Structures are given as structure tokens and as C-alpha cells.
Amino acid sequence: ILVVDDGSKDKTKEIVSKFNKVKLISYNENKGKGYAIKCGVKNSNGNYIFISDADLSMPIEELDKFLEEAKNNYSIVIGSRRHRDSEVIRSRFRKLSANIFNKIISTLIIKDIKDTQCGFKLFKKEPAKRIFEKQLINGFAFDVEVLYLSKKFGYNIKEVPIKWVDSKESKVRMIKDSYRMLRDIMKIRLNDGLGKYD
């Protein structure tokens, strides 16, 4: 297990140091979720690389679903809160905001993925190393960039239903972060046009 501490000011390092089988990657400056995930993937060695939000809004027991689909020859398996079989507890505001954002993404950049922003994703090793090596977005929109690259490189993606309960401790600031995410989505198109993903 790798824990990436993105320049936090809380007790993350102190808590993680108590666990023998957990490796901590830490740096002083907060650089964004995308940067943190890229560091984690770069330092991962397993045949499967599973990305998990620290708040565990999705119970970790759901991981079995991801592994089962990966073993069925899917290169990338992602949790979907919009899957018809998912069990999701969210506030109306968050649900509305997510629906609007997903509609924008499906219009501008990725048409056939219902939930790009779920923080629980599993990659086979080779696709993960290739995709994250090309990742350039450091903020929350890195999810969109990673899935855009997954499709660009021809990897198959499977969305699976999950159980989900919104965390009150979420660090996402809906209005401010949504603006930044939209800005970064436009950067993805620009980066691709400039050949930065080749």
C-alpha cells in the first residue's frame, strides 16, 4: 500500500508511519491530486494498480469487483456512481453538480463514460505506466485526462457499480474546483493538438 501525502498540514505522516506494510511518499508543497496520483503510480510495482481516495467513500471491500473485471481482460476498471446498480448516498447539490459536470465532459471530450470523477480506479500495470507517464494535469481534472489518454491509446475500460457515501471531509470545493477542472479540460484538447501526448 502506498500513501501519497500531497503536502498536507494534518497528521497524515504521523499516522501512516505507525503501519509497517504501508509506504509513505511525502513532499512539503501541495501540488494537486493529479500530481500525487502520478507519484503513486510511478512508485507502484504490482501487476494491478488500484487508486483509492483516502476518505473511503467507497468501501474497500468493493475492490473485488474491480479485480474480477480486470481478470476478464479489461485494462482499466473504474467505479461509477451513475451506474444503474450502484448504491449511492449523496446530497442533492453534489448530485446536481456532478450531473452537470458529467454532461459537459460528455459533450466536450469523452462521450461514453458516465462517471469520470470517481476516485476509485484500477489499472493493469503496463497501461498505467504508459498513461501516467503522459499525464500533465495536476489538479482534479487529471481523471478526465487519464481516461482521455486511455481511449486515445486504445485501452478497454469497464465501469462497475459501487456502493458510495459522500464524505463530509471531502476536500473538493464545488464552485472553485469546477472552474479549474473546466479550464484544465480545455488544456487536454490543446495538449493533444500540440502533440504532447504522442
N, C-alpha and C. Protein backbone atom coordinates (compact mmCIF):
# COMPACT_ATOMS: atom_id res chain seq x y z
N ILE A 1 0.85 -1.19 0.00
CA ILE A 1 0.00 0.00 0.00
C ILE A 1 0.89 1.24 0.00
N LEU A 2 0.62 2.14 -0.93
CA LEU A 2 1.31 3.42 -0.99
C LEU A 2 0.36 4.53 -0.57
N VAL A 3 0.80 5.40 0.31
CA VAL A 3 0.05 6.59 0.68
C VAL A 3 0.85 7.80 0.21
N VAL A 4 0.23 8.64 -0.61
CA VAL A 4 0.89 9.85 -1.08
C VAL A 4 0.35 11.04 -0.31
N ASP A 5 1.22 11.70 0.41
CA ASP A 5 0.86 12.87 1.21
C ASP A 5 1.18 14.12 0.40
N ASP A 6 0.15 14.75 -0.14
CA ASP A 6 0.32 15.89 -1.04
C ASP A 6 0.52 17.19 -0.26
N GLY A 7 1.61 17.26 0.48
CA GLY A 7 1.94 18.48 1.22
C GLY A 7 0.90 18.86 2.25
N SER A 8 0.29 17.86 2.91
CA SER A 8 -0.77 18.15 3.87
C SER A 8 -0.21 18.77 5.15
N LYS A 9 -1.08 19.44 5.88
CA LYS A 9 -0.70 20.08 7.15
C LYS A 9 -1.31 19.33 8.34
N ASP A 10 -1.90 18.17 8.07
CA ASP A 10 -2.52 17.40 9.15
C ASP A 10 -1.54 16.35 9.67
N LYS A 11 -2.05 15.27 10.24
CA LYS A 11 -1.19 14.26 10.85
C LYS A 11 -1.03 13.02 9.98
N THR A 12 -1.16 13.18 8.66
CA THR A 12 -1.06 12.04 7.76
C THR A 12 0.24 11.27 7.94
N LYS A 13 1.36 11.98 7.92
CA LYS A 13 2.66 11.31 8.02
C LYS A 13 2.81 10.56 9.36
N GLU A 14 2.34 11.18 10.41
CA GLU A 14 2.43 10.57 11.74
C GLU A 14 1.61 9.28 11.82
N ILE A 15 0.40 9.32 11.25
CA ILE A 15 -0.49 8.16 11.29
C ILE A 15 0.05 7.03 10.42
N VAL A 16 0.48 7.35 9.20
CA VAL A 16 0.96 6.33 8.26
C VAL A 16 2.21 5.64 8.79
N SER A 17 3.05 6.37 9.49
CA SER A 17 4.31 5.81 10.00
C SER A 17 4.08 4.68 11.00
N LYS A 18 2.88 4.55 11.52
CA LYS A 18 2.57 3.52 12.50
C LYS A 18 2.31 2.15 11.85
N PHE A 19 2.14 2.14 10.53
CA PHE A 19 1.82 0.89 9.83
C PHE A 19 3.04 0.35 9.11
N ASN A 20 3.41 -0.89 9.41
CA ASN A 20 4.64 -1.48 8.87
C ASN A 20 4.58 -1.75 7.37
N LYS A 21 3.42 -2.11 6.85
CA LYS A 21 3.32 -2.53 5.45
C LYS A 21 2.78 -1.42 4.55
N VAL A 22 2.88 -0.19 5.01
CA VAL A 22 2.43 0.96 4.21
C VAL A 22 3.63 1.85 3.92
N LYS A 23 3.82 2.17 2.65
CA LYS A 23 4.92 3.05 2.24
C LYS A 23 4.38 4.47 2.07
N LEU A 24 5.07 5.44 2.63
CA LEU A 24 4.66 6.84 2.54
C LEU A 24 5.53 7.59 1.54
N ILE A 25 4.85 8.29 0.63
CA ILE A 25 5.52 9.24 -0.27
C ILE A 25 5.03 10.62 0.15
N SER A 26 5.95 11.49 0.50
CA SER A 26 5.56 12.79 1.04
C SER A 26 6.46 13.90 0.52
N TYR A 27 5.87 15.07 0.32
CA TYR A 27 6.63 16.26 -0.06
C TYR A 27 5.95 17.46 0.58
N ASN A 28 6.66 18.55 0.72
CA ASN A 28 6.18 19.68 1.53
C ASN A 28 5.15 20.56 0.83
N GLU A 29 5.28 20.73 -0.48
CA GLU A 29 4.39 21.64 -1.21
C GLU A 29 3.17 20.91 -1.76
N ASN A 30 1.99 21.48 -1.55
CA ASN A 30 0.77 20.92 -2.11
C ASN A 30 0.76 21.15 -3.62
N LYS A 31 0.75 20.07 -4.39
CA LYS A 31 0.87 20.18 -5.85
C LYS A 31 -0.37 19.70 -6.60
N GLY A 32 -1.36 19.18 -5.89
CA GLY A 32 -2.59 18.76 -6.54
C GLY A 32 -2.76 17.25 -6.58
N LYS A 33 -4.01 16.82 -6.67
CA LYS A 33 -4.32 15.40 -6.64
C LYS A 33 -3.70 14.66 -7.82
N GLY A 34 -3.74 15.27 -9.00
CA GLY A 34 -3.17 14.63 -10.18
C GLY A 34 -1.69 14.34 -10.02
N TYR A 35 -0.97 15.29 -9.45
CA TYR A 35 0.47 15.12 -9.21
C TYR A 35 0.71 13.98 -8.21
N ALA A 36 -0.11 13.96 -7.15
CA ALA A 36 0.03 12.93 -6.12
C ALA A 36 -0.21 11.54 -6.68
N ILE A 37 -1.26 11.41 -7.49
CA ILE A 37 -1.58 10.10 -8.07
C ILE A 37 -0.47 9.65 -9.02
N LYS A 38 0.05 10.58 -9.79
CA LYS A 38 1.15 10.25 -10.71
C LYS A 38 2.35 9.72 -9.94
N CYS A 39 2.67 10.35 -8.81
CA CYS A 39 3.78 9.88 -7.95
C CYS A 39 3.51 8.46 -7.47
N GLY A 40 2.28 8.20 -7.06
CA GLY A 40 1.93 6.88 -6.57
C GLY A 40 2.07 5.82 -7.64
N VAL A 41 1.57 6.11 -8.84
CA VAL A 41 1.66 5.14 -9.94
C VAL A 41 3.13 4.89 -10.32
N LYS A 42 3.91 5.96 -10.36
CA LYS A 42 5.33 5.83 -10.72
C LYS A 42 6.07 4.91 -9.76
N ASN A 43 5.68 4.91 -8.50
CA ASN A 43 6.35 4.12 -7.49
C ASN A 43 5.68 2.77 -7.22
N SER A 44 4.67 2.43 -8.02
CA SER A 44 3.96 1.16 -7.85
C SER A 44 4.63 0.06 -8.65
N ASN A 45 4.60 -1.15 -8.11
CA ASN A 45 5.25 -2.28 -8.77
C ASN A 45 4.33 -3.46 -9.07
N GLY A 46 3.10 -3.42 -8.57
CA GLY A 46 2.19 -4.55 -8.73
C GLY A 46 1.68 -4.72 -10.14
N ASN A 47 1.14 -5.90 -10.42
CA ASN A 47 0.53 -6.15 -11.73
C ASN A 47 -0.76 -5.38 -11.91
N TYR A 48 -1.40 -5.05 -10.79
CA TYR A 48 -2.60 -4.20 -10.80
C TYR A 48 -2.33 -2.99 -9.91
N ILE A 49 -2.72 -1.83 -10.39
CA ILE A 49 -2.54 -0.60 -9.61
C ILE A 49 -3.92 -0.01 -9.34
N PHE A 50 -4.29 0.01 -8.07
CA PHE A 50 -5.61 0.49 -7.66
C PHE A 50 -5.48 1.85 -6.98
N ILE A 51 -6.22 2.81 -7.49
CA ILE A 51 -6.22 4.17 -6.94
C ILE A 51 -7.43 4.33 -6.03
N SER A 52 -7.20 4.80 -4.83
CA SER A 52 -8.28 4.94 -3.85
C SER A 52 -8.21 6.29 -3.16
N ASP A 53 -9.34 6.96 -3.04
CA ASP A 53 -9.41 8.16 -2.22
C ASP A 53 -9.21 7.77 -0.76
N ALA A 54 -8.57 8.64 0.00
CA ALA A 54 -8.27 8.32 1.40
C ALA A 54 -9.53 8.28 2.27
N ASP A 55 -10.59 8.97 1.86
CA ASP A 55 -11.79 9.01 2.70
C ASP A 55 -12.63 7.73 2.62
N LEU A 56 -12.29 6.84 1.67
CA LEU A 56 -13.01 5.57 1.50
C LEU A 56 -14.52 5.75 1.43
N SER A 57 -14.95 6.72 0.63
CA SER A 57 -16.39 6.88 0.38
C SER A 57 -16.96 5.60 -0.22
N MET A 58 -16.13 4.88 -0.95
CA MET A 58 -16.46 3.55 -1.43
C MET A 58 -15.78 2.54 -0.51
N PRO A 59 -16.52 1.61 0.10
CA PRO A 59 -15.89 0.61 0.96
C PRO A 59 -14.81 -0.17 0.20
N ILE A 60 -13.67 -0.38 0.81
CA ILE A 60 -12.55 -1.04 0.14
C ILE A 60 -12.90 -2.47 -0.27
N GLU A 61 -13.91 -3.06 0.37
CA GLU A 61 -14.34 -4.41 0.01
C GLU A 61 -14.84 -4.50 -1.43
N GLU A 62 -15.21 -3.35 -2.00
CA GLU A 62 -15.67 -3.32 -3.39
C GLU A 62 -14.53 -3.61 -4.38
N LEU A 63 -13.30 -3.61 -3.90
CA LEU A 63 -12.14 -3.85 -4.76
C LEU A 63 -12.26 -5.16 -5.52
N ASP A 64 -12.90 -6.17 -4.92
CA ASP A 64 -13.03 -7.47 -5.58
C ASP A 64 -13.70 -7.35 -6.95
N LYS A 65 -14.67 -6.45 -7.06
CA LYS A 65 -15.35 -6.24 -8.35
C LYS A 65 -14.38 -5.77 -9.42
N PHE A 66 -13.50 -4.87 -9.03
CA PHE A 66 -12.52 -4.31 -9.96
C PHE A 66 -11.56 -5.39 -10.45
N LEU A 67 -11.06 -6.19 -9.50
CA LEU A 67 -10.11 -7.24 -9.85
C LEU A 67 -10.75 -8.30 -10.75
N GLU A 68 -12.00 -8.62 -10.48
CA GLU A 68 -12.70 -9.62 -11.29
C GLU A 68 -12.80 -9.16 -12.75
N GLU A 69 -13.15 -7.89 -12.96
CA GLU A 69 -13.27 -7.37 -14.32
C GLU A 69 -11.90 -7.25 -14.99
N ALA A 70 -10.87 -6.89 -14.23
CA ALA A 70 -9.52 -6.81 -14.79
C ALA A 70 -9.06 -8.18 -15.26
N LYS A 71 -9.43 -9.21 -14.52
CA LYS A 71 -9.06 -10.57 -14.90
C LYS A 71 -9.87 -11.06 -16.10
N ASN A 72 -10.97 -10.34 -16.41
CA ASN A 72 -11.77 -10.63 -17.61
C ASN A 72 -11.27 -9.82 -18.81
N ASN A 73 -9.99 -9.43 -18.73
CA ASN A 73 -9.29 -8.76 -19.85
C ASN A 73 -9.65 -7.30 -20.06
N TYR A 74 -10.14 -6.62 -19.02
CA TYR A 74 -10.28 -5.17 -19.11
C TYR A 74 -8.99 -4.53 -18.59
N SER A 75 -8.45 -3.60 -19.36
CA SER A 75 -7.19 -2.94 -18.96
C SER A 75 -7.40 -1.96 -17.83
N ILE A 76 -8.59 -1.32 -17.83
CA ILE A 76 -8.90 -0.28 -16.84
C ILE A 76 -10.32 -0.51 -16.33
N VAL A 77 -10.48 -0.50 -15.02
CA VAL A 77 -11.81 -0.68 -14.40
C VAL A 77 -12.05 0.49 -13.47
N ILE A 78 -13.17 1.17 -13.65
CA ILE A 78 -13.45 2.37 -12.85
C ILE A 78 -14.80 2.26 -12.15
N GLY A 79 -14.85 2.79 -10.95
CA GLY A 79 -16.11 2.84 -10.22
C GLY A 79 -17.03 3.88 -10.83
N SER A 80 -18.31 3.57 -10.86
CA SER A 80 -19.28 4.52 -11.42
C SER A 80 -20.45 4.71 -10.47
N ARG A 81 -20.59 5.94 -9.99
CA ARG A 81 -21.73 6.26 -9.13
C ARG A 81 -23.00 6.45 -9.94
N ARG A 82 -22.86 6.51 -11.26
CA ARG A 82 -24.02 6.71 -12.13
C ARG A 82 -24.51 5.40 -12.75
N HIS A 83 -23.87 4.31 -12.41
CA HIS A 83 -24.32 3.00 -12.88
C HIS A 83 -25.67 2.69 -12.26
N ARG A 84 -26.54 2.07 -13.02
CA ARG A 84 -27.91 1.83 -12.52
C ARG A 84 -27.95 0.91 -11.31
N ASP A 85 -26.91 0.09 -11.12
CA ASP A 85 -26.88 -0.84 -9.99
C ASP A 85 -26.08 -0.31 -8.79
N SER A 86 -25.59 0.92 -8.88
CA SER A 86 -24.83 1.49 -7.77
C SER A 86 -25.75 1.91 -6.64
N GLU A 87 -25.23 1.86 -5.42
CA GLU A 87 -25.96 2.32 -4.24
C GLU A 87 -25.25 3.57 -3.73
N VAL A 88 -25.85 4.72 -3.97
CA VAL A 88 -25.17 5.99 -3.73
C VAL A 88 -25.97 6.88 -2.78
N ILE A 89 -25.27 7.41 -1.78
CA ILE A 89 -25.87 8.40 -0.88
C ILE A 89 -25.11 9.71 -1.07
N ARG A 90 -25.77 10.69 -1.67
CA ARG A 90 -25.16 11.99 -1.94
C ARG A 90 -26.17 13.09 -1.68
N SER A 91 -25.68 14.27 -1.38
CA SER A 91 -26.57 15.42 -1.23
C SER A 91 -27.11 15.81 -2.60
N ARG A 92 -28.25 16.46 -2.61
CA ARG A 92 -28.84 16.88 -3.89
C ARG A 92 -27.92 17.83 -4.64
N PHE A 93 -27.25 18.71 -3.88
CA PHE A 93 -26.36 19.68 -4.52
C PHE A 93 -25.20 18.98 -5.22
N ARG A 94 -24.58 18.02 -4.52
CA ARG A 94 -23.46 17.30 -5.12
C ARG A 94 -23.92 16.46 -6.32
N LYS A 95 -25.08 15.86 -6.20
CA LYS A 95 -25.60 15.05 -7.30
C LYS A 95 -25.87 15.92 -8.53
N LEU A 96 -26.48 17.09 -8.32
CA LEU A 96 -26.76 18.00 -9.42
C LEU A 96 -25.46 18.51 -10.04
N SER A 97 -24.50 18.91 -9.21
CA SER A 97 -23.22 19.42 -9.70
C SER A 97 -22.50 18.36 -10.53
N ALA A 98 -22.51 17.11 -10.03
CA ALA A 98 -21.85 16.01 -10.73
C ALA A 98 -22.52 15.75 -12.08
N ASN A 99 -23.86 15.79 -12.11
CA ASN A 99 -24.58 15.55 -13.36
C ASN A 99 -24.26 16.62 -14.40
N ILE A 100 -24.18 17.88 -13.95
CA ILE A 100 -23.86 18.97 -14.87
C ILE A 100 -22.45 18.82 -15.41
N PHE A 101 -21.50 18.50 -14.51
CA PHE A 101 -20.10 18.35 -14.92
C PHE A 101 -19.94 17.18 -15.89
N ASN A 102 -20.59 16.06 -15.60
CA ASN A 102 -20.50 14.91 -16.48
C ASN A 102 -21.11 15.19 -17.85
N LYS A 103 -22.16 15.99 -17.87
CA LYS A 103 -22.77 16.38 -19.15
C LYS A 103 -21.79 17.22 -19.96
N ILE A 104 -21.10 18.13 -19.31
CA ILE A 104 -20.10 18.96 -20.01
C ILE A 104 -18.97 18.10 -20.56
N ILE A 105 -18.50 17.15 -19.75
CA ILE A 105 -17.41 16.28 -20.19
C ILE A 105 -17.84 15.45 -21.39
N SER A 106 -19.04 14.89 -21.32
CA SER A 106 -19.52 14.04 -22.42
C SER A 106 -19.72 14.85 -23.70
N THR A 107 -19.99 16.13 -23.56
CA THR A 107 -20.17 16.99 -24.73
C THR A 107 -18.83 17.42 -25.33
N LEU A 108 -17.86 17.72 -24.46
CA LEU A 108 -16.60 18.30 -24.92
C LEU A 108 -15.50 17.30 -25.22
N ILE A 109 -15.46 16.17 -24.47
CA ILE A 109 -14.22 15.39 -24.56
C ILE A 109 -14.38 13.87 -24.51
N ILE A 110 -15.23 13.33 -23.63
CA ILE A 110 -15.39 11.88 -23.53
C ILE A 110 -16.88 11.55 -23.53
N LYS A 111 -17.34 10.83 -24.52
CA LYS A 111 -18.78 10.64 -24.69
C LYS A 111 -19.35 9.45 -23.94
N ASP A 112 -18.61 8.37 -23.80
CA ASP A 112 -19.23 7.12 -23.36
C ASP A 112 -18.79 6.64 -21.98
N ILE A 113 -18.31 7.53 -21.14
CA ILE A 113 -18.02 7.19 -19.74
C ILE A 113 -18.93 8.04 -18.86
N LYS A 114 -19.72 7.37 -18.01
CA LYS A 114 -20.74 8.08 -17.25
C LYS A 114 -20.20 8.81 -16.02
N ASP A 115 -19.11 8.30 -15.45
CA ASP A 115 -18.59 8.90 -14.22
C ASP A 115 -17.06 8.93 -14.28
N THR A 116 -16.52 10.03 -14.78
CA THR A 116 -15.06 10.15 -14.90
C THR A 116 -14.39 10.48 -13.58
N GLN A 117 -15.13 11.06 -12.64
CA GLN A 117 -14.51 11.64 -11.44
C GLN A 117 -14.48 10.73 -10.22
N CYS A 118 -15.03 9.55 -10.32
CA CYS A 118 -14.97 8.65 -9.17
C CYS A 118 -13.50 8.36 -8.84
N GLY A 119 -13.13 8.47 -7.57
CA GLY A 119 -11.73 8.37 -7.18
C GLY A 119 -11.19 6.95 -7.07
N PHE A 120 -11.98 5.96 -7.47
CA PHE A 120 -11.56 4.56 -7.34
C PHE A 120 -11.41 3.95 -8.73
N LYS A 121 -10.16 3.69 -9.11
CA LYS A 121 -9.86 3.19 -10.45
C LYS A 121 -8.76 2.13 -10.36
N LEU A 122 -8.89 1.10 -11.19
CA LEU A 122 -7.88 0.05 -11.25
C LEU A 122 -7.30 -0.04 -12.65
N PHE A 123 -5.98 -0.12 -12.72
CA PHE A 123 -5.27 -0.22 -13.99
C PHE A 123 -4.37 -1.45 -13.98
N LYS A 124 -4.27 -2.12 -15.10
CA LYS A 124 -3.20 -3.09 -15.24
C LYS A 124 -1.89 -2.31 -15.34
N LYS A 125 -0.80 -2.95 -14.97
CA LYS A 125 0.48 -2.26 -14.81
C LYS A 125 0.94 -1.55 -16.08
N GLU A 126 0.97 -2.25 -17.20
CA GLU A 126 1.52 -1.67 -18.44
C GLU A 126 0.72 -0.45 -18.90
N PRO A 127 -0.61 -0.55 -18.97
CA PRO A 127 -1.38 0.65 -19.34
C PRO A 127 -1.17 1.81 -18.37
N ALA A 128 -1.12 1.50 -17.06
CA ALA A 128 -0.95 2.56 -16.06
C ALA A 128 0.36 3.31 -16.26
N LYS A 129 1.46 2.57 -16.44
CA LYS A 129 2.76 3.21 -16.62
C LYS A 129 2.77 4.09 -17.86
N ARG A 130 2.18 3.61 -18.95
CA ARG A 130 2.17 4.37 -20.20
C ARG A 130 1.31 5.62 -20.09
N ILE A 131 0.13 5.47 -19.52
CA ILE A 131 -0.82 6.58 -19.42
C ILE A 131 -0.31 7.67 -18.49
N PHE A 132 0.12 7.29 -17.29
CA PHE A 132 0.51 8.29 -16.30
C PHE A 132 1.84 8.95 -16.63
N GLU A 133 2.65 8.29 -17.46
CA GLU A 133 3.87 8.94 -17.93
C GLU A 133 3.55 10.17 -18.78
N LYS A 134 2.41 10.11 -19.48
CA LYS A 134 2.00 11.21 -20.35
C LYS A 134 1.09 12.23 -19.65
N GLN A 135 0.63 11.91 -18.45
CA GLN A 135 -0.29 12.79 -17.72
C GLN A 135 0.37 14.13 -17.40
N LEU A 136 -0.34 15.24 -17.68
CA LEU A 136 0.20 16.57 -17.47
C LEU A 136 -0.61 17.40 -16.48
N ILE A 137 -1.88 17.05 -16.28
CA ILE A 137 -2.77 17.83 -15.42
C ILE A 137 -2.54 17.45 -13.95
N ASN A 138 -2.28 18.44 -13.10
CA ASN A 138 -2.02 18.17 -11.69
C ASN A 138 -3.25 18.28 -10.80
N GLY A 139 -4.31 18.94 -11.29
CA GLY A 139 -5.50 19.16 -10.48
C GLY A 139 -6.49 18.01 -10.59
N PHE A 140 -7.75 18.28 -10.14
CA PHE A 140 -8.78 17.25 -10.11
C PHE A 140 -9.16 16.74 -11.50
N ALA A 141 -8.92 17.52 -12.54
CA ALA A 141 -9.28 17.10 -13.90
C ALA A 141 -8.32 16.04 -14.45
N PHE A 142 -7.36 15.63 -13.64
CA PHE A 142 -6.44 14.58 -14.10
C PHE A 142 -7.22 13.31 -14.46
N ASP A 143 -8.35 13.05 -13.75
CA ASP A 143 -9.17 11.87 -14.06
C ASP A 143 -9.61 11.88 -15.51
N VAL A 144 -10.08 13.04 -15.96
CA VAL A 144 -10.55 13.17 -17.34
C VAL A 144 -9.39 12.95 -18.30
N GLU A 145 -8.25 13.54 -17.99
CA GLU A 145 -7.07 13.40 -18.85
C GLU A 145 -6.64 11.94 -18.95
N VAL A 146 -6.61 11.25 -17.82
CA VAL A 146 -6.18 9.86 -17.79
C VAL A 146 -7.12 8.98 -18.62
N LEU A 147 -8.42 9.21 -18.50
CA LEU A 147 -9.37 8.42 -19.28
C LEU A 147 -9.33 8.81 -20.76
N TYR A 148 -9.08 10.07 -21.03
CA TYR A 148 -8.91 10.51 -22.42
C TYR A 148 -7.72 9.80 -23.05
N LEU A 149 -6.61 9.73 -22.32
CA LEU A 149 -5.42 9.04 -22.80
C LEU A 149 -5.67 7.54 -22.94
N SER A 150 -6.45 6.97 -22.02
CA SER A 150 -6.77 5.55 -22.09
C SER A 150 -7.47 5.21 -23.40
N LYS A 151 -8.41 6.06 -23.77
CA LYS A 151 -9.14 5.84 -25.02
C LYS A 151 -8.25 6.15 -26.23
N LYS A 152 -7.44 7.17 -26.13
CA LYS A 152 -6.53 7.54 -27.22
C LYS A 152 -5.57 6.39 -27.53
N PHE A 153 -5.10 5.72 -26.48
CA PHE A 153 -4.14 4.63 -26.64
C PHE A 153 -4.83 3.29 -26.92
N GLY A 154 -6.17 3.28 -26.94
CA GLY A 154 -6.90 2.08 -27.34
C GLY A 154 -7.15 1.06 -26.24
N TYR A 155 -7.05 1.45 -24.98
CA TYR A 155 -7.30 0.50 -23.90
C TYR A 155 -8.80 0.38 -23.63
N ASN A 156 -9.24 -0.82 -23.29
CA ASN A 156 -10.66 -1.01 -22.99
C ASN A 156 -10.94 -0.67 -21.52
N ILE A 157 -12.09 -0.04 -21.30
CA ILE A 157 -12.46 0.48 -19.99
C ILE A 157 -13.80 -0.11 -19.57
N LYS A 158 -13.88 -0.53 -18.33
CA LYS A 158 -15.13 -1.07 -17.80
C LYS A 158 -15.58 -0.25 -16.59
N GLU A 159 -16.82 0.19 -16.60
CA GLU A 159 -17.40 0.87 -15.43
C GLU A 159 -18.16 -0.16 -14.60
N VAL A 160 -17.95 -0.15 -13.29
CA VAL A 160 -18.63 -1.10 -12.42
C VAL A 160 -19.47 -0.37 -11.38
N PRO A 161 -20.59 -0.96 -10.99
CA PRO A 161 -21.42 -0.35 -9.95
C PRO A 161 -20.74 -0.45 -8.60
N ILE A 162 -20.95 0.55 -7.76
CA ILE A 162 -20.31 0.56 -6.44
C ILE A 162 -21.28 1.05 -5.36
N LYS A 163 -20.88 0.84 -4.13
CA LYS A 163 -21.55 1.47 -3.00
C LYS A 163 -20.79 2.74 -2.68
N TRP A 164 -21.51 3.82 -2.38
CA TRP A 164 -20.86 5.11 -2.18
C TRP A 164 -21.63 5.96 -1.18
N VAL A 165 -20.90 6.54 -0.23
CA VAL A 165 -21.48 7.50 0.69
C VAL A 165 -20.57 8.72 0.71
N ASP A 166 -21.09 9.89 0.36
CA ASP A 166 -20.27 11.11 0.33
C ASP A 166 -19.62 11.37 1.68
N SER A 167 -18.34 11.72 1.65
CA SER A 167 -17.63 12.04 2.87
C SER A 167 -17.79 13.51 3.21
N LYS A 168 -18.07 13.80 4.48
CA LYS A 168 -18.17 15.18 4.93
C LYS A 168 -16.81 15.86 4.95
N GLU A 169 -15.75 15.05 4.91
CA GLU A 169 -14.38 15.58 4.98
C GLU A 169 -13.80 15.82 3.60
N SER A 170 -14.62 15.74 2.55
CA SER A 170 -14.11 15.92 1.19
C SER A 170 -13.42 17.27 1.03
N LYS A 171 -12.29 17.25 0.30
CA LYS A 171 -11.51 18.47 0.07
C LYS A 171 -11.97 19.21 -1.20
N VAL A 172 -12.94 18.65 -1.91
CA VAL A 172 -13.41 19.27 -3.16
C VAL A 172 -14.26 20.49 -2.83
N ARG A 173 -13.92 21.64 -3.44
CA ARG A 173 -14.71 22.87 -3.31
C ARG A 173 -15.45 23.03 -4.62
N MET A 174 -16.76 22.78 -4.58
CA MET A 174 -17.52 22.55 -5.80
C MET A 174 -17.40 23.67 -6.83
N ILE A 175 -17.57 24.93 -6.44
CA ILE A 175 -17.57 26.03 -7.40
C ILE A 175 -16.17 26.33 -7.90
N LYS A 176 -15.24 26.56 -6.96
CA LYS A 176 -13.87 26.92 -7.33
C LYS A 176 -13.18 25.80 -8.10
N ASP A 177 -13.31 24.55 -7.62
CA ASP A 177 -12.65 23.44 -8.28
C ASP A 177 -13.30 23.10 -9.62
N SER A 178 -14.61 23.30 -9.74
CA SER A 178 -15.29 23.05 -11.01
C SER A 178 -14.76 23.97 -12.10
N TYR A 179 -14.53 25.24 -11.75
CA TYR A 179 -13.96 26.19 -12.72
C TYR A 179 -12.58 25.72 -13.18
N ARG A 180 -11.75 25.33 -12.22
CA ARG A 180 -10.40 24.87 -12.55
C ARG A 180 -10.44 23.61 -13.41
N MET A 181 -11.39 22.73 -13.10
CA MET A 181 -11.50 21.49 -13.87
C MET A 181 -11.90 21.77 -15.31
N LEU A 182 -12.82 22.69 -15.51
CA LEU A 182 -13.24 23.05 -16.86
C LEU A 182 -12.09 23.68 -17.65
N ARG A 183 -11.32 24.50 -16.97
CA ARG A 183 -10.15 25.12 -17.60
C ARG A 183 -9.15 24.04 -18.02
N ASP A 184 -8.93 23.07 -17.13
CA ASP A 184 -7.97 22.01 -17.43
C ASP A 184 -8.46 21.08 -18.53
N ILE A 185 -9.77 20.91 -18.62
CA ILE A 185 -10.32 20.07 -19.71
C ILE A 185 -9.99 20.68 -21.06
N MET A 186 -10.06 21.99 -21.16
CA MET A 186 -9.70 22.65 -22.41
C MET A 186 -8.20 22.47 -22.69
N LYS A 187 -7.40 22.40 -21.62
CA LYS A 187 -5.96 22.16 -21.79
C LYS A 187 -5.69 20.78 -22.38
N ILE A 188 -6.53 19.81 -22.04
CA ILE A 188 -6.35 18.45 -22.56
C ILE A 188 -6.45 18.46 -24.07
N ARG A 189 -7.46 19.13 -24.59
CA ARG A 189 -7.62 19.24 -26.05
C ARG A 189 -6.42 19.95 -26.67
N LEU A 190 -5.97 21.01 -26.01
CA LEU A 190 -4.83 21.78 -26.52
C LEU A 190 -3.56 20.94 -26.50
N ASN A 191 -3.33 20.24 -25.41
CA ASN A 191 -2.16 19.38 -25.30
C ASN A 191 -2.14 18.33 -26.40
N ASP A 192 -3.29 17.75 -26.65
CA ASP A 192 -3.37 16.72 -27.70
C ASP A 192 -3.09 17.33 -29.07
N GLY A 193 -3.66 18.50 -29.31
CA GLY A 193 -3.43 19.18 -30.59
C GLY A 193 -1.98 19.56 -30.81
N LEU A 194 -1.27 19.82 -29.72
CA LEU A 194 0.15 20.18 -29.80
C LEU A 194 1.07 18.97 -29.81
N GLY A 195 0.47 17.77 -29.76
CA GLY A 195 1.27 16.55 -29.82
C GLY A 195 1.96 16.16 -28.54
N LYS A 196 1.51 16.71 -27.41
CA LYS A 196 2.19 16.44 -26.14
C LYS A 196 1.91 15.04 -25.60
N TYR A 197 0.89 14.37 -26.16
CA TYR A 197 0.57 13.02 -25.71
C TYR A 197 1.12 11.94 -26.64
N ASP A 198 1.82 12.36 -27.67
CA ASP A 198 2.34 11.39 -28.65
C ASP A 198 3.56 10.65 -28.10
